[in-house]
Structure formats: C-alpha cells, structure tokens
C-alpha cells in the first residue's frame, strides 16, 4: 500500500534577523503524497526557496516541523534530493564524473556508481557526452545532467527549485515534457518551485499558491487534467480555467503587497 502524506510541513515560521528582522514564512503547512508532483507558485520574495531550504534541513525553522514518512527530519540534511536553479556542474569534471558527485560524497565506489550513471545517461540521451565537459553542453543538456545527479542520490522526494528558468522558451517546453517522462518512469515524488503558472499547471497534480511576504499558503488547486500529458494539454479549456484561477490568486496577492508598500 502506498504511504500517504509522504512529506509534511507543519506550522513552519521563519524570521531572519531576529524579532525586528524580515519575516519570511508564517504558519506554513503543506502535505505531499507519495508519487505526487506538487508545484508551489507565488510572487517574488514570498519565501518559496526559504521553504525548500527548511525542508532540505539547510535552515532550521523558528517554529514548526518537517516530517518524511512519519519521521521528524527538521533541521537535518540528507533526506531529500535538492536541485537548485543553477546546474552547479563542476567545470573540471566530465559529465559522468559530475553526475556521480553525490554518490562520491556518500562513499559509493565508482564500480557501483558508474554503471548506474551510465544507465541514466543513456535513458536521457546523454550517453555519447559522458566524457565531455560542461562547457561543451547546451543549457538543456546541463540541466538534464543536474537532474540525473539528483536522481542518482535516490531520495524519496526531489525538490526542484526553478530548474528551467534560465532556458529559452522552446527548450523550456521540451524540458518540461522530458521531466514528466522522467517522473512517470521513476515513480518519484516531486515538489517544484516556479514563477510560471503555465508550467505549474502543465506539470502538476496539485499547485499550492503562496502569499506575498511573509509567505503563507493561501490556496491549493487540484489539477484534474489527464495523464500522461503532452503539449496538447495546454490547449484544453480546463487548462485555461486552472491557469486563470491561479493567476487571479497571485495577482490579488501582488496588488495587496504593492498597496502595503505604498502605505
């Protein structure tokens, strides 16, 4: 039986700089089920990346807890895979050696990590580039390498923080479809940050919307589009309805934020 609520964030608050500092998150609670693809959208500066850093254990919340599979992981690292906006490939290492970095840190021998890495490189169209260096790769190829590195870590949950934001529009669309293929084939749980509402609706089973700072979860929208999805899903009337719903929520929050700054 598939475990439900694999990842839970409960009543998390975070302020930077003490009592008179910047309140980044206020009473954030979210739940992600095993195998779900969940996106988080919201205005710039609303605390999305801070939330990810807390889930990953890189930052401790002032109050609240994070649990994975029922175990409290608050303030501890190594439980989730985390892919940042930048690919962070090491320029002096080949593609193959870049994607096994996480396994190297864990002490996994190359006799074990290399076959796993080569299998994923082949599955995702990068086998002939395993001896190439990052400077020889396109932006989309670099992001594929970064995601393979995250997958090889083999955590139950992947946190992806705007991984395609730096790509051109055409490459970004192709990478979104590629990511869905990867997610579907591996059966992993993904939590995804994006500023792009189209992207959130296209990829997700569910989308959380965050308020302007201090970040609060103000809506949870179920995406009831069919799977598997391809580009044609964006042409469905239901896609437009969901997109409009989320845009109105985010726009309303942005207007409130601007009004507050003018007072």
C-alpha atoms as a PDB file:
ATOM      1  CA  UNK A   1       0.000   0.000   0.000  1.00  0.00           C
ATOM      2  CA  UNK A   2       1.366   3.424  -0.973  1.00  0.00           C
ATOM      3  CA  UNK A   3       2.057   5.616   2.066  1.00  0.00           C
ATOM      4  CA  UNK A   4       0.085   8.827   2.096  1.00  0.00           C
ATOM      5  CA  UNK A   5       1.403  12.213   3.173  1.00  0.00           C
ATOM      6  CA  UNK A   6       4.977  11.176   2.499  1.00  0.00           C
ATOM      7  CA  UNK A   7       6.191  14.722   3.177  1.00  0.00           C
ATOM      8  CA  UNK A   8       4.584  17.012   5.760  1.00  0.00           C
ATOM      9  CA  UNK A   9       5.437  20.587   6.705  1.00  0.00           C
ATOM     10  CA  UNK A  10       3.554  21.667   9.807  1.00  0.00           C
ATOM     11  CA  UNK A  11       3.106  25.237  11.067  1.00  0.00           C
ATOM     12  CA  UNK A  12       6.529  26.410   9.906  1.00  0.00           C
ATOM     13  CA  UNK A  13       7.541  30.011  10.663  1.00  0.00           C
ATOM     14  CA  UNK A  14      10.839  31.727   9.857  1.00  0.00           C
ATOM     15  CA  UNK A  15      12.152  35.236  10.506  1.00  0.00           C
ATOM     16  CA  UNK A  16      15.641  36.339   9.533  1.00  0.00           C
ATOM     17  CA  UNK A  17      17.461  38.836  11.729  1.00  0.00           C
ATOM     18  CA  UNK A  18      15.585  38.388  14.985  1.00  0.00           C
ATOM     19  CA  UNK A  19      12.315  39.886  16.149  1.00  0.00           C
ATOM     20  CA  UNK A  20      12.742  43.068  14.112  1.00  0.00           C
ATOM     21  CA  UNK A  21      14.058  41.262  11.068  1.00  0.00           C
ATOM     22  CA  UNK A  22      12.366  40.031   7.904  1.00  0.00           C
ATOM     23  CA  UNK A  23       9.517  37.595   8.408  1.00  0.00           C
ATOM     24  CA  UNK A  24       9.907  35.138   5.526  1.00  0.00           C
ATOM     25  CA  UNK A  25       7.351  32.429   6.366  1.00  0.00           C
ATOM     26  CA  UNK A  26       4.268  32.442   8.590  1.00  0.00           C
ATOM     27  CA  UNK A  27       2.489  29.268   9.692  1.00  0.00           C
ATOM     28  CA  UNK A  28       3.120  27.227   6.525  1.00  0.00           C
ATOM     29  CA  UNK A  29       1.529  23.776   6.444  1.00  0.00           C
ATOM     30  CA  UNK A  30       1.583  21.511   3.395  1.00  0.00           C
ATOM     31  CA  UNK A  31       1.354  17.815   2.643  1.00  0.00           C
ATOM     32  CA  UNK A  32       2.640  15.848  -0.329  1.00  0.00           C
ATOM     33  CA  UNK A  33       1.560  12.275  -1.027  1.00  0.00           C
ATOM     34  CA  UNK A  34       3.845   9.550  -2.309  1.00  0.00           C
ATOM     35  CA  UNK A  35       4.253   9.754  -6.090  1.00  0.00           C
ATOM     36  CA  UNK A  36       2.701  13.220  -6.395  1.00  0.00           C
ATOM     37  CA  UNK A  37       4.022  16.087  -8.482  1.00  0.00           C
ATOM     38  CA  UNK A  38       3.271  19.250  -6.486  1.00  0.00           C
ATOM     39  CA  UNK A  39       4.216  22.796  -7.513  1.00  0.00           C
ATOM     40  CA  UNK A  40       4.484  25.968  -5.440  1.00  0.00           C
ATOM     41  CA  UNK A  41       3.850  29.345  -7.083  1.00  0.00           C
ATOM     42  CA  UNK A  42       3.785  32.849  -5.683  1.00  0.00           C
ATOM     43  CA  UNK A  43       5.143  36.372  -6.079  1.00  0.00           C
ATOM     44  CA  UNK A  44       8.883  37.042  -5.936  1.00  0.00           C
ATOM     45  CA  UNK A  45      10.264  37.172  -2.420  1.00  0.00           C
ATOM     46  CA  UNK A  46       7.410  35.182  -0.876  1.00  0.00           C
ATOM     47  CA  UNK A  47       9.713  32.621   0.763  1.00  0.00           C
ATOM     48  CA  UNK A  48       9.492  29.673  -1.634  1.00  0.00           C
ATOM     49  CA  UNK A  49      13.231  28.992  -1.611  1.00  0.00           C
ATOM     50  CA  UNK A  50      13.386  29.511   2.163  1.00  0.00           C
ATOM     51  CA  UNK A  51      10.721  26.823   2.497  1.00  0.00           C
ATOM     52  CA  UNK A  52      12.791  24.462   0.349  1.00  0.00           C
ATOM     53  CA  UNK A  53      15.895  25.131   2.434  1.00  0.00           C
ATOM     54  CA  UNK A  54      13.921  24.263   5.572  1.00  0.00           C
ATOM     55  CA  UNK A  55      12.596  21.034   4.020  1.00  0.00           C
ATOM     56  CA  UNK A  56      16.148  20.128   2.973  1.00  0.00           C
ATOM     57  CA  UNK A  57      17.423  20.817   6.503  1.00  0.00           C
ATOM     58  CA  UNK A  58      19.757  23.618   5.430  1.00  0.00           C
ATOM     59  CA  UNK A  59      17.832  26.141   7.557  1.00  0.00           C
ATOM     60  CA  UNK A  60      16.007  25.471  10.819  1.00  0.00           C
ATOM     61  CA  UNK A  61      12.545  26.976  11.251  1.00  0.00           C
ATOM     62  CA  UNK A  62      11.819  29.181  14.233  1.00  0.00           C
ATOM     63  CA  UNK A  63       8.757  27.057  14.921  1.00  0.00           C
ATOM     64  CA  UNK A  64       7.137  24.082  13.211  1.00  0.00           C
ATOM     65  CA  UNK A  65       8.284  20.703  11.961  1.00  0.00           C
ATOM     66  CA  UNK A  66       9.121  18.779   8.790  1.00  0.00           C
ATOM     67  CA  UNK A  67       8.491  15.037   8.586  1.00  0.00           C
ATOM     68  CA  UNK A  68       9.244  12.448   5.932  1.00  0.00           C
ATOM     69  CA  UNK A  69       7.498   9.111   6.022  1.00  0.00           C
ATOM     70  CA  UNK A  70       6.324   9.925   9.539  1.00  0.00           C
ATOM     71  CA  UNK A  71       9.837  10.633  10.890  1.00  0.00           C
ATOM     72  CA  UNK A  72      10.778  14.135  12.060  1.00  0.00           C
ATOM     73  CA  UNK A  73      13.624  15.436   9.861  1.00  0.00           C
ATOM     74  CA  UNK A  74      13.523  19.086  10.976  1.00  0.00           C
ATOM     75  CA  UNK A  75      16.968  20.670  10.759  1.00  0.00           C
ATOM     76  CA  UNK A  76      18.684  17.552   9.408  1.00  0.00           C
ATOM     77  CA  UNK A  77      20.123  17.025   5.934  1.00  0.00           C
ATOM     78  CA  UNK A  78      20.472  14.098   3.550  1.00  0.00           C
ATOM     79  CA  UNK A  79      16.824  13.063   3.377  1.00  0.00           C
ATOM     80  CA  UNK A  80      15.716  14.675   0.089  1.00  0.00           C
ATOM     81  CA  UNK A  81      17.217  15.356  -3.323  1.00  0.00           C
ATOM     82  CA  UNK A  82      17.596  19.098  -3.996  1.00  0.00           C
ATOM     83  CA  UNK A  83      18.186  20.704  -7.398  1.00  0.00           C
ATOM     84  CA  UNK A  84      18.785  24.450  -7.450  1.00  0.00           C
ATOM     85  CA  UNK A  85      18.152  26.967 -10.247  1.00  0.00           C
ATOM     86  CA  UNK A  86      21.773  26.779 -11.418  1.00  0.00           C
ATOM     87  CA  UNK A  87      23.097  23.439 -12.571  1.00  0.00           C
ATOM     88  CA  UNK A  88      26.305  23.833 -10.467  1.00  0.00           C
ATOM     89  CA  UNK A  89      28.222  21.410 -12.679  1.00  0.00           C
ATOM     90  CA  UNK A  90      31.935  21.363 -11.881  1.00  0.00           C
ATOM     91  CA  UNK A  91      33.818  22.586 -14.993  1.00  0.00           C
ATOM     92  CA  UNK A  92      36.851  20.370 -14.388  1.00  0.00           C
ATOM     93  CA  UNK A  93      34.839  17.154 -14.222  1.00  0.00           C
ATOM     94  CA  UNK A  94      33.358  15.235 -17.150  1.00  0.00           C
ATOM     95  CA  UNK A  95      29.623  14.696 -17.463  1.00  0.00           C
ATOM     96  CA  UNK A  96      29.970  11.203 -15.988  1.00  0.00           C
ATOM     97  CA  UNK A  97      32.020  12.435 -13.049  1.00  0.00           C
ATOM     98  CA  UNK A  98      29.645  15.340 -12.458  1.00  0.00           C
ATOM     99  CA  UNK A  99      26.534  13.190 -12.180  1.00  0.00           C
ATOM    100  CA  UNK A 100      28.139  10.847  -9.616  1.00  0.00           C
ATOM    101  CA  UNK A 101      29.267  13.673  -7.293  1.00  0.00           C
ATOM    102  CA  UNK A 102      26.551  12.928  -4.735  1.00  0.00           C
ATOM    103  CA  UNK A 103      27.441   9.250  -4.682  1.00  0.00           C
ATOM    104  CA  UNK A 104      31.144  10.129  -4.334  1.00  0.00           C
ATOM    105  CA  UNK A 105      30.301  12.160  -1.227  1.00  0.00           C
ATOM    106  CA  UNK A 106      28.373   9.182   0.160  1.00  0.00           C
ATOM    107  CA  UNK A 107      31.430   6.975  -0.364  1.00  0.00           C
ATOM    108  CA  UNK A 108      29.842   4.815  -3.056  1.00  0.00           C
ATOM    109  CA  UNK A 109      32.607   3.144  -5.119  1.00  0.00           C
ATOM    110  CA  UNK A 110      32.891   4.070  -8.784  1.00  0.00           C
ATOM    111  CA  UNK A 111      32.405   0.407  -9.696  1.00  0.00           C
ATOM    112  CA  UNK A 112      28.843   0.850  -8.405  1.00  0.00           C
ATOM    113  CA  UNK A 113      28.093   4.477  -9.278  1.00  0.00           C
ATOM    114  CA  UNK A 114      29.378   4.469 -12.868  1.00  0.00           C
ATOM    115  CA  UNK A 115      27.014   1.729 -14.154  1.00  0.00           C
ATOM    116  CA  UNK A 116      24.026   3.475 -12.531  1.00  0.00           C
ATOM    117  CA  UNK A 117      25.054   6.810 -14.027  1.00  0.00           C
ATOM    118  CA  UNK A 118      25.663   5.364 -17.491  1.00  0.00           C
ATOM    119  CA  UNK A 119      22.228   3.759 -17.464  1.00  0.00           C
ATOM    120  CA  UNK A 120      20.536   7.105 -16.745  1.00  0.00           C
ATOM    121  CA  UNK A 121      22.726   8.989 -19.230  1.00  0.00           C
ATOM    122  CA  UNK A 122      21.648   6.504 -21.893  1.00  0.00           C
ATOM    123  CA  UNK A 123      17.972   6.740 -20.945  1.00  0.00           C
ATOM    124  CA  UNK A 124      18.047  10.516 -21.158  1.00  0.00           C
ATOM    125  CA  UNK A 125      20.023  10.887 -24.386  1.00  0.00           C
ATOM    126  CA  UNK A 126      23.419  11.864 -22.965  1.00  0.00           C
ATOM    127  CA  UNK A 127      25.401   8.632 -23.295  1.00  0.00           C
ATOM    128  CA  UNK A 128      27.720   9.958 -26.009  1.00  0.00           C
ATOM    129  CA  UNK A 129      28.552  13.000 -23.881  1.00  0.00           C
ATOM    130  CA  UNK A 130      29.759  11.152 -20.785  1.00  0.00           C
ATOM    131  CA  UNK A 131      33.390  12.155 -21.450  1.00  0.00           C
ATOM    132  CA  UNK A 132      32.508  15.748 -22.389  1.00  0.00           C
ATOM    133  CA  UNK A 133      32.953  18.721 -20.074  1.00  0.00           C
ATOM    134  CA  UNK A 134      30.113  21.101 -19.092  1.00  0.00           C
ATOM    135  CA  UNK A 135      31.427  23.851 -21.381  1.00  0.00           C
ATOM    136  CA  UNK A 136      30.540  21.666 -24.398  1.00  0.00           C
ATOM    137  CA  UNK A 137      26.888  21.238 -23.381  1.00  0.00           C
ATOM    138  CA  UNK A 138      23.793  23.278 -24.171  1.00  0.00           C
ATOM    139  CA  UNK A 139      21.677  24.732 -21.371  1.00  0.00           C
ATOM    140  CA  UNK A 140      19.110  21.955 -21.647  1.00  0.00           C
ATOM    141  CA  UNK A 141      21.777  19.265 -21.568  1.00  0.00           C
ATOM    142  CA  UNK A 142      23.374  20.803 -18.483  1.00  0.00           C
ATOM    143  CA  UNK A 143      20.023  20.776 -16.694  1.00  0.00           C
ATOM    144  CA  UNK A 144      19.496  17.146 -17.655  1.00  0.00           C
ATOM    145  CA  UNK A 145      22.879  16.346 -16.123  1.00  0.00           C
ATOM    146  CA  UNK A 146      21.945  18.201 -12.949  1.00  0.00           C
ATOM    147  CA  UNK A 147      18.667  16.303 -12.701  1.00  0.00           C
ATOM    148  CA  UNK A 148      20.392  12.955 -13.295  1.00  0.00           C
ATOM    149  CA  UNK A 149      22.784  13.852 -10.461  1.00  0.00           C
ATOM    150  CA  UNK A 150      19.748  14.495  -8.236  1.00  0.00           C
ATOM    151  CA  UNK A 151      18.054  11.247  -9.304  1.00  0.00           C
ATOM    152  CA  UNK A 152      21.190   9.207  -8.555  1.00  0.00           C
ATOM    153  CA  UNK A 153      21.011  10.416  -4.961  1.00  0.00           C
ATOM    154  CA  UNK A 154      17.893   8.199  -4.857  1.00  0.00           C
ATOM    155  CA  UNK A 155      15.972  10.122  -2.212  1.00  0.00           C
ATOM    156  CA  UNK A 156      12.200   9.556  -1.845  1.00  0.00           C
ATOM    157  CA  UNK A 157      11.459  13.224  -2.554  1.00  0.00           C
ATOM    158  CA  UNK A 158      13.022  15.597  -5.095  1.00  0.00           C
ATOM    159  CA  UNK A 159      12.932  19.367  -4.511  1.00  0.00           C
ATOM    160  CA  UNK A 160      13.340  21.231  -7.816  1.00  0.00           C
ATOM    161  CA  UNK A 161      13.798  25.000  -7.479  1.00  0.00           C
ATOM    162  CA  UNK A 162      13.008  26.655 -10.845  1.00  0.00           C
ATOM    163  CA  UNK A 163      15.322  24.295 -12.746  1.00  0.00           C
ATOM    164  CA  UNK A 164      14.340  25.591 -16.205  1.00  0.00           C
ATOM    165  CA  UNK A 165      14.092  29.335 -15.508  1.00  0.00           C
ATOM    166  CA  UNK A 166      17.312  30.195 -17.363  1.00  0.00           C
ATOM    167  CA  UNK A 167      16.401  28.298 -20.547  1.00  0.00           C
ATOM    168  CA  UNK A 168      14.926  29.762 -23.716  1.00  0.00           C
ATOM    169  CA  UNK A 169      11.188  29.275 -24.239  1.00  0.00           C
ATOM    170  CA  UNK A 170      11.427  26.434 -26.761  1.00  0.00           C
ATOM    171  CA  UNK A 171      13.977  24.441 -24.755  1.00  0.00           C
ATOM    172  CA  UNK A 172      11.951  25.012 -21.602  1.00  0.00           C
ATOM    173  CA  UNK A 173       8.829  23.472 -23.154  1.00  0.00           C
ATOM    174  CA  UNK A 174      10.795  20.421 -24.289  1.00  0.00           C
ATOM    175  CA  UNK A 175      12.404  20.045 -20.859  1.00  0.00           C
ATOM    176  CA  UNK A 176       9.009  20.155 -19.156  1.00  0.00           C
ATOM    177  CA  UNK A 177       7.778  17.229 -21.248  1.00  0.00           C
ATOM    178  CA  UNK A 178      11.056  15.405 -20.652  1.00  0.00           C
ATOM    179  CA  UNK A 179      10.716  15.941 -16.888  1.00  0.00           C
ATOM    180  CA  UNK A 180       7.216  14.449 -16.898  1.00  0.00           C
ATOM    181  CA  UNK A 181       8.552  11.378 -18.720  1.00  0.00           C
ATOM    182  CA  UNK A 182      11.299  11.036 -16.102  1.00  0.00           C
ATOM    183  CA  UNK A 183       8.880  11.460 -13.206  1.00  0.00           C
ATOM    184  CA  UNK A 184       6.427   8.953 -14.684  1.00  0.00           C
ATOM    185  CA  UNK A 185       9.097   6.333 -15.355  1.00  0.00           C
ATOM    186  CA  UNK A 186      10.771   6.602 -11.940  1.00  0.00           C
ATOM    187  CA  UNK A 187       7.654   6.964  -9.783  1.00  0.00           C
ATOM    188  CA  UNK A 188       9.297   9.553  -7.528  1.00  0.00           C
ATOM    189  CA  UNK A 189       7.706  12.359  -5.522  1.00  0.00           C
ATOM    190  CA  UNK A 190       8.478  15.886  -6.768  1.00  0.00           C
ATOM    191  CA  UNK A 191       7.977  19.291  -5.166  1.00  0.00           C
ATOM    192  CA  UNK A 192       8.615  22.037  -7.713  1.00  0.00           C
ATOM    193  CA  UNK A 193       9.062  25.803  -7.395  1.00  0.00           C
ATOM    194  CA  UNK A 194       8.218  28.021 -10.356  1.00  0.00           C
ATOM    195  CA  UNK A 195       7.103  31.557 -11.184  1.00  0.00           C
ATOM    196  CA  UNK A 196       5.487  30.235 -14.382  1.00  0.00           C
ATOM    197  CA  UNK A 197       1.802  29.389 -13.852  1.00  0.00           C
ATOM    198  CA  UNK A 198       1.613  27.597 -17.223  1.00  0.00           C
ATOM    199  CA  UNK A 199       4.485  25.383 -16.158  1.00  0.00           C
ATOM    200  CA  UNK A 200       2.923  24.653 -12.762  1.00  0.00           C
ATOM    201  CA  UNK A 201      -0.420  23.608 -14.255  1.00  0.00           C
ATOM    202  CA  UNK A 202       1.166  21.530 -17.009  1.00  0.00           C
ATOM    203  CA  UNK A 203       3.436  19.564 -14.687  1.00  0.00           C
ATOM    204  CA  UNK A 204       1.463  19.152 -11.504  1.00  0.00           C
ATOM    205  CA  UNK A 205      -1.137  17.054  -9.752  1.00  0.00           C
ATOM    206  CA  UNK A 206      -1.631  19.934  -7.340  1.00  0.00           C
ATOM    207  CA  UNK A 207      -0.471  23.548  -7.088  1.00  0.00           C
ATOM    208  CA  UNK A 208      -0.003  25.495  -3.862  1.00  0.00           C
ATOM    209  CA  UNK A 209      -0.191  29.289  -4.121  1.00  0.00           C
ATOM    210  CA  UNK A 210       1.757  31.430  -1.659  1.00  0.00           C
ATOM    211  CA  UNK A 211       1.048  34.947  -0.485  1.00  0.00           C
ATOM    212  CA  UNK A 212       3.419  37.878  -0.648  1.00  0.00           C
ATOM    213  CA  UNK A 213       5.904  38.090   2.238  1.00  0.00           C
ATOM    214  CA  UNK A 214       5.513  36.824   4.849  1.00  0.00           C
ATOM    215  CA  UNK A 215       4.824  33.696   2.823  1.00  0.00           C
ATOM    216  CA  UNK A 216       1.640  31.826   3.680  1.00  0.00           C
ATOM    217  CA  UNK A 217      -0.124  29.102   1.729  1.00  0.00           C
ATOM    218  CA  UNK A 218      -3.359  30.706   0.578  1.00  0.00           C
ATOM    219  CA  UNK A 219      -4.696  28.147  -1.907  1.00  0.00           C
ATOM    220  CA  UNK A 220      -4.337  24.543  -3.000  1.00  0.00           C
ATOM    221  CA  UNK A 221      -5.575  23.839  -6.541  1.00  0.00           C
ATOM    222  CA  UNK A 222      -6.046  20.270  -7.795  1.00  0.00           C
ATOM    223  CA  UNK A 223      -5.021  19.857 -11.436  1.00  0.00           C
ATOM    224  CA  UNK A 224      -7.519  17.391 -12.880  1.00  0.00           C
ATOM    225  CA  UNK A 225      -6.002  17.147 -16.361  1.00  0.00           C
ATOM    226  CA  UNK A 226      -5.452  13.702 -17.870  1.00  0.00           C
ATOM    227  CA  UNK A 227      -2.100  11.926 -17.717  1.00  0.00           C
ATOM    228  CA  UNK A 228       0.156  11.237 -19.492  1.00  0.00           C
ATOM    229  CA  UNK A 229       0.357  14.835 -20.727  1.00  0.00           C
ATOM    230  CA  UNK A 230       1.889  16.370 -23.791  1.00  0.00           C
ATOM    231  CA  UNK A 231       1.717  19.819 -25.328  1.00  0.00           C
ATOM    232  CA  UNK A 232      -1.929  19.325 -26.320  1.00  0.00           C
ATOM    233  CA  UNK A 233      -2.928  19.578 -22.637  1.00  0.00           C
ATOM    234  CA  UNK A 234      -2.197  23.314 -22.814  1.00  0.00           C
ATOM    235  CA  UNK A 235      -4.933  23.697 -25.435  1.00  0.00           C
ATOM    236  CA  UNK A 236      -7.687  22.208 -23.287  1.00  0.00           C
ATOM    237  CA  UNK A 237     -10.346  24.583 -21.880  1.00  0.00           C
ATOM    238  CA  UNK A 238      -9.754  23.133 -18.400  1.00  0.00           C
ATOM    239  CA  UNK A 239      -6.084  24.113 -18.601  1.00  0.00           C
ATOM    240  CA  UNK A 240      -7.093  27.730 -19.217  1.00  0.00           C
ATOM    241  CA  UNK A 241      -9.580  27.613 -16.328  1.00  0.00           C
ATOM    242  CA  UNK A 242      -6.945  26.376 -13.898  1.00  0.00           C
ATOM    243  CA  UNK A 243      -4.375  28.866 -15.141  1.00  0.00           C
ATOM    244  CA  UNK A 244      -6.843  31.739 -14.788  1.00  0.00           C
ATOM    245  CA  UNK A 245      -7.742  30.667 -11.248  1.00  0.00           C
ATOM    246  CA  UNK A 246      -4.100  30.674 -10.163  1.00  0.00           C
ATOM    247  CA  UNK A 247      -3.211  33.914 -11.955  1.00  0.00           C
ATOM    248  CA  UNK A 248      -6.091  35.694 -10.227  1.00  0.00           C
ATOM    249  CA  UNK A 249      -4.919  34.433  -6.827  1.00  0.00           C
ATOM    250  CA  UNK A 250      -1.323  35.540  -7.433  1.00  0.00           C
ATOM    251  CA  UNK A 251      -2.359  38.873  -8.970  1.00  0.00           C
ATOM    252  CA  UNK A 252      -4.556  39.644  -5.978  1.00  0.00           C
ATOM    253  CA  UNK A 253      -1.648  38.961  -3.623  1.00  0.00           C
ATOM    254  CA  UNK A 254       0.716  41.105  -5.692  1.00  0.00           C
ATOM    255  CA  UNK A 255      -1.749  44.002  -5.582  1.00  0.00           C
ATOM    256  CA  UNK A 256      -2.056  43.675  -1.800  1.00  0.00           C
ATOM    257  CA  UNK A 257       1.725  43.702  -1.473  1.00  0.00           C
ATOM    258  CA  UNK A 258       2.081  46.832  -3.622  1.00  0.00           C
ATOM    259  CA  UNK A 259      -0.673  48.596  -1.707  1.00  0.00           C
ATOM    260  CA  UNK A 260       1.016  47.771   1.614  1.00  0.00           C
ATOM    261  CA  UNK A 261       4.334  49.187   0.392  1.00  0.00           C
ATOM    262  CA  UNK A 262       2.651  52.475  -0.564  1.00  0.00           C
ATOM    263  CA  UNK A 263       1.086  52.991   2.865  1.00  0.00           C
END
